[in-house]
Amino acid sequence: MRPVSQLHIASPAVAVKPKSLVILGATGSVGRSTTDVITAAPENFVIEALVGGKDVQALAALARKLNAKTAVIADSDAYQDLKAALAGSGIEAAAGQDAVNAAATRACDLVVAAISGTAGVLPTHAALAAGRNVALANKESLVCAGTAVLKAAASSGAHVLPMDSEHNAVFQALGSGVAAGRPALGATRLAQHGLMREIARITITASGGPFRTWSANRIAAATREEALAHPNYAMGPKITIDSASLMNKGLELIEAHVLFGIAAEQLDVLVHPQQIFHGLVSFADGSVVAGLAHPDMRVPIAHCLAWPARMSAPVKHLNLAEIGQMTFEKPDLERFPALGLAMAAMRAGSGHPTALNAANEVVVAAFLDRAISFGDIPSLVERALNRCAQAGVLHDPQTIEDALALDRIAREQTQGLLTPRH
């Protein structure tokens, strides 16, 4: 296979029908990076709908910039403000959760699922159930409701394209041209293609975050500002905190477990501070195929937007001689217990990942509000999981309703552990 940097979308001399897109989470960090890729090749895309959370002005400005047909704000109270911000543009305005779900099911070639957190689960599921191909940047959809989400994809024949850099690297390493024919990248379809028995291990990498070299005591006492200082990526606050605790890497392991249908014991994490290697697939014959690129979300975004073709992206191409040296190390589960908790939840299954994700969202929000310390995050998540187990509520959710019900229970159990500081 030629290097990624040498592969491009069809020559401009060849007529290419523009690809129609719906972007969920358009005003977030992934949404903004998606906009960069689109504006670098605007003739390749038509924007059917953009969905934002609460930032009316940012959504309206983006809708005008991309000439979107519809703009949807999740906050139902913001409808009049959005309508006013779009006045004279000809862009339709809508608001509320029903409008978000309607946008997700709108006729299009690809839905970019980039709404952060559990809020992205319902529209992602709706898009797949409606047969829309989804570029997935919302890992919570698979961590919280993996069974239901992949059932929806399999039933409708929709494709799931992983947009997280690690999973996209693995997808490409497996051979995206081969994998593309499957409605979902689950265990059954990998087995049907005889690929599962060929895989020895899948490895995703972690930068190690801002605390990679810190002592356990210093990590536990880290401030909000220190935890938000990621060394490589500019992301939203929640995912940045997860990256600092390495919980994000644990959630990504669970996502890979569901997405690629590979056993938990065949998945691992490698700390790689330079973040050039993103994912590696080790095959039974000893061969290893890896996905390499600069740590720039626009690389996997461009891959998903153009798939199954390739397109030029507004990114720096890789020059290994310029980088010179790269380092690798095992993650330290004693200093980063959140990763160990996630790995244990992945092995346990039976609703543990759903409860883990819910508990983590609650305690990270509390940390960002300065209500708890950084060191409280893993201990509170563990206590919440124990509470859920003792209550007998942990089970593998088979439907989206089951998953969201368990999510609510886990949040309630976690909230009960939080007490105001005086």
Protein backbone atom coordinates (compact mmCIF):
# COMPACT_ATOMS: atom_id res chain seq x y z
CA MET A 1 0.00 0.00 0.00
CA ARG A 2 1.28 3.48 -0.85
CA PRO A 3 1.78 5.94 2.01
CA VAL A 4 -1.33 7.92 2.96
CA SER A 5 0.38 11.17 1.90
CA GLN A 6 0.59 9.94 -1.72
CA LEU A 7 -3.07 9.03 -2.06
CA HIS A 8 -5.58 11.62 -3.23
CA ILE A 9 -9.17 11.85 -4.30
CA ALA A 10 -9.95 11.52 -8.01
CA SER A 11 -8.35 14.04 -10.35
CA PRO A 12 -10.31 17.30 -10.82
CA ALA A 13 -10.61 16.31 -14.49
CA VAL A 14 -12.91 13.46 -13.41
CA ALA A 15 -16.45 14.52 -12.50
CA VAL A 16 -17.16 13.63 -8.88
CA LYS A 17 -20.64 14.06 -7.41
CA PRO A 18 -20.45 16.14 -4.21
CA LYS A 19 -20.99 14.12 -1.05
CA SER A 20 -23.92 15.23 1.11
CA LEU A 21 -23.19 15.56 4.82
CA VAL A 22 -24.97 16.00 8.13
CA ILE A 23 -22.66 17.12 10.94
CA LEU A 24 -23.75 16.43 14.52
CA GLY A 25 -21.72 18.43 17.01
CA ALA A 26 -20.70 20.94 14.36
CA THR A 27 -19.51 23.62 16.79
CA GLY A 28 -17.32 21.32 18.91
CA SER A 29 -13.62 20.59 18.40
CA VAL A 30 -14.20 17.70 15.96
CA GLY A 31 -16.86 19.71 14.16
CA ARG A 32 -14.47 22.62 13.70
CA SER A 33 -11.78 20.31 12.34
CA THR A 34 -14.36 18.83 9.98
CA THR A 35 -15.12 22.34 8.75
CA ASP A 36 -11.40 22.85 8.00
CA VAL A 37 -11.37 19.74 5.82
CA ILE A 38 -14.58 20.73 4.02
CA THR A 39 -13.50 24.31 3.31
CA ALA A 40 -10.23 23.04 1.84
CA ALA A 41 -12.28 21.23 -0.86
CA PRO A 42 -15.77 22.81 -0.82
CA GLU A 43 -16.64 21.47 -4.28
CA ASN A 44 -16.62 17.93 -2.84
CA PHE A 45 -19.40 18.46 -0.27
CA VAL A 46 -22.98 19.63 0.19
CA ILE A 47 -24.07 20.33 3.77
CA GLU A 48 -27.58 19.08 4.42
CA ALA A 49 -27.67 19.94 8.12
CA LEU A 50 -25.49 21.22 10.95
CA VAL A 51 -26.34 20.44 14.58
CA GLY A 52 -25.00 22.38 17.56
CA GLY A 53 -25.64 22.33 21.29
CA LYS A 54 -26.12 25.79 22.79
CA ASP A 55 -23.87 28.23 20.93
CA VAL A 56 -26.35 29.88 18.58
CA GLN A 57 -23.98 32.44 17.12
CA ALA A 58 -21.26 29.91 16.34
CA LEU A 59 -23.78 27.56 14.71
CA ALA A 60 -25.34 30.34 12.62
CA ALA A 61 -21.94 31.59 11.47
CA LEU A 62 -20.88 28.08 10.52
CA ALA A 63 -24.14 27.42 8.67
CA ARG A 64 -23.63 30.57 6.63
CA LYS A 65 -19.97 29.73 5.96
CA LEU A 66 -20.78 26.22 4.71
CA ASN A 67 -24.05 27.22 3.01
CA ALA A 68 -25.93 24.58 4.98
CA LYS A 69 -29.54 23.85 4.13
CA THR A 70 -30.59 23.49 7.78
CA ALA A 71 -29.16 24.45 11.17
CA VAL A 72 -30.41 22.74 14.34
CA ILE A 73 -29.72 23.80 17.92
CA ALA A 74 -30.26 21.16 20.62
CA ASP A 75 -31.42 23.76 23.15
CA SER A 76 -35.14 24.12 22.38
CA ASP A 77 -35.26 27.51 24.11
CA ALA A 78 -32.77 28.90 21.58
CA TYR A 79 -34.97 28.52 18.50
CA GLN A 80 -35.94 32.18 18.16
CA ASP A 81 -32.33 33.29 18.62
CA LEU A 82 -31.16 30.87 15.93
CA LYS A 83 -33.94 31.92 13.57
CA ALA A 84 -32.95 35.56 14.06
CA ALA A 85 -29.25 34.81 13.53
CA LEU A 86 -30.09 33.11 10.23
CA ALA A 87 -32.49 35.77 9.00
CA GLY A 88 -32.09 36.49 5.31
CA SER A 89 -29.80 33.51 4.69
CA GLY A 90 -32.43 31.08 3.42
CA ILE A 91 -31.13 28.50 5.91
CA GLU A 92 -33.87 26.65 7.77
CA ALA A 93 -33.73 26.79 11.60
CA ALA A 94 -34.89 24.09 14.02
CA ALA A 95 -34.42 23.32 17.71
CA GLY A 96 -34.86 20.57 20.30
CA GLN A 97 -34.03 16.89 20.61
CA ASP A 98 -36.63 15.79 18.07
CA ALA A 99 -35.11 18.17 15.54
CA VAL A 100 -31.63 16.80 16.29
CA ASN A 101 -32.82 13.25 15.68
CA ALA A 102 -34.60 14.34 12.50
CA ALA A 103 -31.39 15.91 11.22
CA ALA A 104 -29.51 12.68 11.99
CA THR A 105 -31.92 10.70 9.80
CA ARG A 106 -32.01 13.21 6.95
CA ALA A 107 -31.18 11.78 3.52
CA CYS A 108 -27.44 12.16 3.00
CA ASP A 109 -24.30 10.22 2.09
CA LEU A 110 -22.67 10.52 5.52
CA VAL A 111 -23.50 11.61 9.06
CA VAL A 112 -20.58 12.89 11.11
CA ALA A 113 -21.40 11.87 14.70
CA ALA A 114 -19.33 14.29 16.79
CA ILE A 115 -21.68 15.23 19.64
CA SER A 116 -19.70 14.85 22.84
CA GLY A 117 -20.74 12.41 25.57
CA THR A 118 -23.90 10.37 26.05
CA ALA A 119 -25.91 13.15 24.38
CA GLY A 120 -24.63 11.75 21.09
CA VAL A 121 -26.01 8.24 21.59
CA LEU A 122 -29.61 8.77 20.47
CA PRO A 123 -28.91 10.68 17.24
CA THR A 124 -26.08 8.29 16.31
CA HIS A 125 -28.39 5.31 16.81
CA ALA A 126 -31.15 7.06 14.87
CA ALA A 127 -28.84 7.73 11.93
CA LEU A 128 -27.70 4.11 11.72
CA ALA A 129 -31.23 2.76 12.15
CA ALA A 130 -32.27 4.93 9.21
CA GLY A 131 -29.52 3.43 7.07
CA ARG A 132 -27.23 6.45 7.11
CA ASN A 133 -23.49 5.81 6.97
CA VAL A 134 -21.89 7.26 10.10
CA ALA A 135 -18.40 8.65 10.66
CA LEU A 136 -18.19 7.95 14.38
CA ALA A 137 -16.34 10.35 16.67
CA ASN A 138 -18.69 9.73 19.61
CA LYS A 139 -17.15 6.80 21.45
CA GLU A 140 -19.91 6.86 24.07
CA SER A 141 -22.33 5.41 21.51
CA LEU A 142 -20.39 2.15 21.53
CA VAL A 143 -19.28 2.22 25.18
CA CYS A 144 -22.77 2.94 26.47
CA ALA A 145 -24.93 1.14 23.90
CA GLY A 146 -22.64 -0.90 21.66
CA THR A 147 -24.96 -3.86 21.19
CA ALA A 148 -27.93 -1.70 20.22
CA VAL A 149 -25.90 0.57 17.95
CA LEU A 150 -24.31 -2.26 15.98
CA LYS A 151 -27.65 -4.07 15.74
CA ALA A 152 -29.11 -0.93 14.15
CA ALA A 153 -26.24 -0.76 11.66
CA ALA A 154 -26.46 -4.43 10.79
CA SER A 155 -30.23 -4.26 10.35
CA SER A 156 -30.19 -1.22 8.06
CA GLY A 157 -27.00 -2.03 6.18
CA ALA A 158 -25.30 1.19 7.27
CA HIS A 159 -21.53 1.54 7.45
CA VAL A 160 -19.72 2.58 10.63
CA LEU A 161 -16.53 4.51 9.87
CA PRO A 162 -14.34 5.14 12.93
CA MET A 163 -13.26 8.79 13.09
CA ASP A 164 -11.24 8.67 16.33
CA SER A 165 -7.59 8.73 15.28
CA GLU A 166 -6.72 5.43 16.98
CA HIS A 167 -9.65 3.45 15.61
CA ASN A 168 -9.31 5.00 12.19
CA ALA A 169 -5.65 3.92 12.13
CA VAL A 170 -6.68 0.37 13.04
CA PHE A 171 -9.46 0.46 10.44
CA GLN A 172 -6.94 1.43 7.78
CA ALA A 173 -4.38 -1.09 9.03
CA LEU A 174 -6.95 -3.86 8.74
CA GLY A 175 -7.52 -2.73 5.16
CA SER A 176 -10.45 -0.34 4.90
CA GLY A 177 -11.16 -1.49 1.36
CA VAL A 178 -11.80 -4.99 2.69
CA ALA A 179 -13.67 -3.86 5.78
CA ALA A 180 -15.88 -1.45 3.87
CA GLY A 181 -18.26 -4.13 2.64
CA ARG A 182 -19.59 -4.84 6.11
CA PRO A 183 -22.65 -3.06 7.53
CA ALA A 184 -20.82 -2.89 10.88
CA LEU A 185 -17.32 -3.77 12.02
CA GLY A 186 -18.44 -6.31 14.61
CA ALA A 187 -17.17 -9.76 15.49
CA THR A 188 -19.62 -11.65 13.28
CA ARG A 189 -18.62 -9.95 10.05
CA LEU A 190 -14.92 -10.12 10.80
CA ALA A 191 -15.32 -13.83 11.45
CA GLN A 192 -17.30 -14.26 8.23
CA HIS A 193 -14.41 -12.77 6.30
CA GLY A 194 -11.91 -15.03 8.07
CA LEU A 195 -10.10 -12.02 9.49
CA MET A 196 -10.55 -12.59 13.23
CA ARG A 197 -8.38 -15.70 13.30
CA GLU A 198 -5.62 -13.77 11.54
CA ILE A 199 -5.39 -11.05 14.23
CA ALA A 200 -3.15 -11.63 17.22
CA ARG A 201 -3.48 -8.19 18.84
CA ILE A 202 -4.76 -4.66 18.33
CA THR A 203 -2.85 -1.87 20.05
CA ILE A 204 -3.93 1.74 20.40
CA THR A 205 -1.54 4.43 21.55
CA ALA A 206 -1.73 7.16 24.18
CA SER A 207 0.33 10.31 24.51
CA GLY A 208 0.42 9.79 28.27
CA GLY A 209 -1.19 13.19 28.74
CA PRO A 210 0.24 16.09 30.74
CA PHE A 211 1.00 13.87 33.76
CA ARG A 212 2.97 11.11 32.03
CA THR A 213 6.11 11.66 34.16
CA TRP A 214 4.40 12.86 37.35
CA SER A 215 4.33 10.95 40.64
CA ALA A 216 1.05 9.48 41.89
CA ASN A 217 0.79 12.08 44.67
CA ARG A 218 1.39 14.96 42.30
CA ILE A 219 -1.18 13.59 39.83
CA ALA A 220 -3.79 13.27 42.59
CA ALA A 221 -3.27 16.94 43.50
CA ALA A 222 -3.34 18.25 39.89
CA THR A 223 -5.33 21.40 39.30
CA ARG A 224 -8.05 21.93 36.74
CA GLU A 225 -5.72 24.08 34.65
CA GLU A 226 -2.92 21.50 34.73
CA ALA A 227 -5.29 18.70 33.68
CA LEU A 228 -6.59 20.77 30.76
CA ALA A 229 -3.09 21.29 29.32
CA HIS A 230 -2.94 18.41 26.82
CA PRO A 231 0.48 18.16 25.11
CA ASN A 232 -0.72 17.34 21.58
CA TYR A 233 -4.42 17.94 20.92
CA ALA A 234 -6.80 20.88 21.41
CA MET A 235 -10.04 19.22 22.53
CA GLY A 236 -13.12 19.89 24.61
CA PRO A 237 -12.71 20.01 28.41
CA LYS A 238 -14.30 16.64 29.20
CA ILE A 239 -12.21 14.58 26.79
CA THR A 240 -9.09 16.53 27.81
CA ILE A 241 -9.61 15.56 31.47
CA ASP A 242 -10.19 11.96 30.38
CA SER A 243 -6.92 12.09 28.46
CA ALA A 244 -5.09 13.34 31.55
CA SER A 245 -6.44 10.45 33.67
CA LEU A 246 -6.05 7.94 30.78
CA MET A 247 -9.76 7.12 31.19
CA ASN A 248 -10.14 8.20 27.57
CA LYS A 249 -7.77 5.44 26.52
CA GLY A 250 -9.81 2.93 28.51
CA LEU A 251 -13.01 4.08 26.81
CA GLU A 252 -11.23 3.73 23.46
CA LEU A 253 -10.27 0.14 24.32
CA ILE A 254 -13.93 -0.62 25.02
CA GLU A 255 -14.89 1.08 21.75
CA ALA A 256 -12.35 -1.06 19.85
CA HIS A 257 -13.62 -4.19 21.63
CA VAL A 258 -17.16 -3.47 20.37
CA LEU A 259 -16.33 -1.98 16.98
CA PHE A 260 -13.85 -4.59 15.78
CA GLY A 261 -15.33 -7.51 17.71
CA ILE A 262 -11.98 -8.53 19.17
CA ALA A 263 -11.52 -10.21 22.55
CA ALA A 264 -10.55 -8.01 25.49
CA GLU A 265 -7.32 -9.95 26.04
CA GLN A 266 -6.24 -9.14 22.48
CA LEU A 267 -6.37 -5.39 23.09
CA ASP A 268 -3.75 -3.21 24.74
CA VAL A 269 -2.42 0.33 25.12
CA LEU A 270 1.05 1.64 24.37
CA VAL A 271 2.17 5.04 25.64
CA HIS A 272 3.77 6.96 22.77
CA PRO A 273 4.34 10.64 23.66
CA GLN A 274 5.02 11.81 20.10
CA GLN A 275 1.62 10.47 18.92
CA ILE A 276 2.83 9.54 15.43
CA PHE A 277 1.78 5.88 15.69
CA HIS A 278 -1.98 5.82 16.39
CA GLY A 279 -2.97 2.17 16.06
CA LEU A 280 -1.24 -1.12 15.33
CA VAL A 281 -2.57 -4.50 14.20
CA SER A 282 -0.41 -7.54 14.96
CA PHE A 283 -1.25 -10.53 12.76
CA ALA A 284 -0.86 -14.21 13.47
CA ASP A 285 2.16 -14.50 11.17
CA GLY A 286 4.12 -11.91 13.17
CA SER A 287 3.50 -9.02 10.81
CA VAL A 288 2.48 -5.66 12.27
CA VAL A 289 0.67 -2.99 10.26
CA ALA A 290 0.40 0.46 11.83
CA GLY A 291 -1.32 3.74 11.05
CA LEU A 292 1.00 6.76 11.29
CA ALA A 293 0.26 10.47 10.98
CA HIS A 294 0.83 13.72 12.77
CA PRO A 295 -1.51 14.16 15.76
CA ASP A 296 -4.13 16.07 13.81
CA MET A 297 -7.82 15.08 13.83
CA ARG A 298 -8.16 16.33 10.27
CA VAL A 299 -6.31 13.21 9.06
CA PRO A 300 -8.95 10.64 10.15
CA ILE A 301 -11.71 13.14 9.34
CA ALA A 302 -10.49 13.46 5.74
CA HIS A 303 -10.27 9.68 5.47
CA CYS A 304 -13.87 9.25 6.60
CA LEU A 305 -15.28 12.12 4.54
CA ALA A 306 -13.74 10.83 1.31
CA TRP A 307 -14.14 7.09 2.01
CA PRO A 308 -13.89 4.84 0.08
CA ALA A 309 -11.76 7.26 -1.97
CA ARG A 310 -9.00 9.54 -0.66
CA MET A 311 -8.74 13.31 -0.61
CA SER A 312 -6.03 15.86 0.03
CA ALA A 313 -6.31 17.31 3.53
CA PRO A 314 -5.02 20.60 4.96
CA VAL A 315 -2.48 18.82 7.16
CA LYS A 316 1.27 18.49 7.43
CA HIS A 317 2.50 15.31 5.79
CA LEU A 318 4.66 12.97 7.79
CA ASN A 319 8.45 13.22 7.58
CA LEU A 320 10.03 10.57 9.81
CA ALA A 321 13.56 11.87 9.26
CA GLU A 322 12.43 15.25 10.55
CA ILE A 323 10.92 13.65 13.66
CA GLY A 324 14.09 11.64 14.27
CA GLN A 325 13.28 9.59 17.36
CA MET A 326 10.11 8.12 18.85
CA THR A 327 9.61 6.42 22.20
CA PHE A 328 7.21 3.82 23.58
CA GLU A 329 6.38 2.59 27.09
CA LYS A 330 3.79 0.57 28.96
CA PRO A 331 1.06 2.49 30.80
CA ASP A 332 1.44 2.65 34.59
CA LEU A 333 -1.87 1.46 36.04
CA GLU A 334 -0.83 2.39 39.58
CA ARG A 335 -0.39 6.07 38.68
CA PHE A 336 -3.32 5.99 36.26
CA PRO A 337 -5.95 3.75 37.93
CA ALA A 338 -8.76 5.04 35.67
CA LEU A 339 -7.29 3.04 32.78
CA GLY A 340 -7.28 -0.09 34.91
CA LEU A 341 -10.93 0.49 35.87
CA ALA A 342 -11.92 0.77 32.23
CA MET A 343 -10.00 -2.37 31.28
CA ALA A 344 -11.72 -4.28 34.10
CA ALA A 345 -15.13 -2.98 32.95
CA MET A 346 -14.35 -4.12 29.40
CA ARG A 347 -13.50 -7.61 30.61
CA ALA A 348 -16.57 -7.79 32.87
CA GLY A 349 -19.07 -6.60 30.26
CA SER A 350 -22.70 -6.96 31.41
CA GLY A 351 -23.38 -3.26 31.64
CA HIS A 352 -20.12 -2.37 33.39
CA PRO A 353 -18.94 -0.18 30.45
CA THR A 354 -22.26 1.69 30.40
CA ALA A 355 -22.09 2.39 34.14
CA LEU A 356 -18.39 3.28 33.95
CA ASN A 357 -19.01 5.87 31.24
CA ALA A 358 -21.95 7.42 33.10
CA ALA A 359 -20.09 7.59 36.42
CA ASN A 360 -17.05 9.10 34.75
CA GLU A 361 -19.10 11.84 33.05
CA VAL A 362 -20.59 12.83 36.41
CA VAL A 363 -17.30 12.95 38.32
CA VAL A 364 -15.40 14.73 35.53
CA ALA A 365 -18.11 17.40 35.50
CA ALA A 366 -17.68 17.72 39.28
CA PHE A 367 -13.92 18.11 38.85
CA LEU A 368 -14.37 20.78 36.18
CA ASP A 369 -16.69 22.56 38.62
CA ARG A 370 -13.88 22.33 41.22
CA ALA A 371 -16.11 20.24 43.52
CA ILE A 372 -13.67 17.31 43.77
CA SER A 373 -9.94 16.74 43.34
CA PHE A 374 -8.34 15.07 40.33
CA GLY A 375 -7.39 12.13 42.53
CA ASP A 376 -11.07 11.65 43.45
CA ILE A 377 -12.04 10.83 39.86
CA PRO A 378 -11.02 7.12 39.70
CA SER A 379 -11.98 6.37 43.31
CA LEU A 380 -15.48 7.82 42.85
CA VAL A 381 -15.96 5.94 39.58
CA GLU A 382 -14.95 2.70 41.28
CA ARG A 383 -17.32 3.32 44.19
CA ALA A 384 -20.15 4.09 41.77
CA LEU A 385 -19.54 0.84 39.89
CA ASN A 386 -19.61 -1.06 43.19
CA ARG A 387 -22.89 0.63 44.08
CA CYS A 388 -24.42 -0.39 40.76
CA ALA A 389 -23.22 -3.97 41.21
CA GLN A 390 -24.66 -4.14 44.73
CA ALA A 391 -27.97 -2.76 43.45
CA GLY A 392 -28.11 -5.57 40.89
CA VAL A 393 -28.67 -3.23 37.94
CA LEU A 394 -25.69 -4.22 35.78
CA HIS A 395 -26.70 -6.13 32.65
CA ASP A 396 -25.84 -5.98 28.96
CA PRO A 397 -28.31 -3.46 27.48
CA GLN A 398 -29.82 -4.93 24.32
CA THR A 399 -31.77 -1.86 23.24
CA ILE A 400 -31.05 1.86 23.20
CA GLU A 401 -33.74 2.32 25.86
CA ASP A 402 -32.05 -0.23 28.13
CA ALA A 403 -28.71 1.48 27.72
CA LEU A 404 -30.04 4.94 28.54
CA ALA A 405 -31.99 3.59 31.51
CA LEU A 406 -28.83 2.02 32.95
CA ASP A 407 -26.96 5.25 32.21
CA ARG A 408 -29.51 7.20 34.28
CA ILE A 409 -29.29 4.78 37.20
CA ALA A 410 -25.48 4.90 37.20
CA ARG A 411 -25.57 8.71 37.18
CA GLU A 412 -27.94 8.73 40.14
CA GLN A 413 -25.71 6.32 42.05
CA THR A 414 -22.66 8.48 41.30
CA GLN A 415 -24.39 11.74 42.19
CA GLY A 416 -25.23 10.25 45.57
CA LEU A 417 -21.50 9.94 46.30
CA LEU A 418 -20.81 13.63 45.71
CA THR A 419 -21.04 15.97 48.68
CA PRO A 420 -20.39 19.71 48.64
CA ARG A 421 -17.04 20.82 50.02
CA HIS A 422 -17.08 23.36 52.88
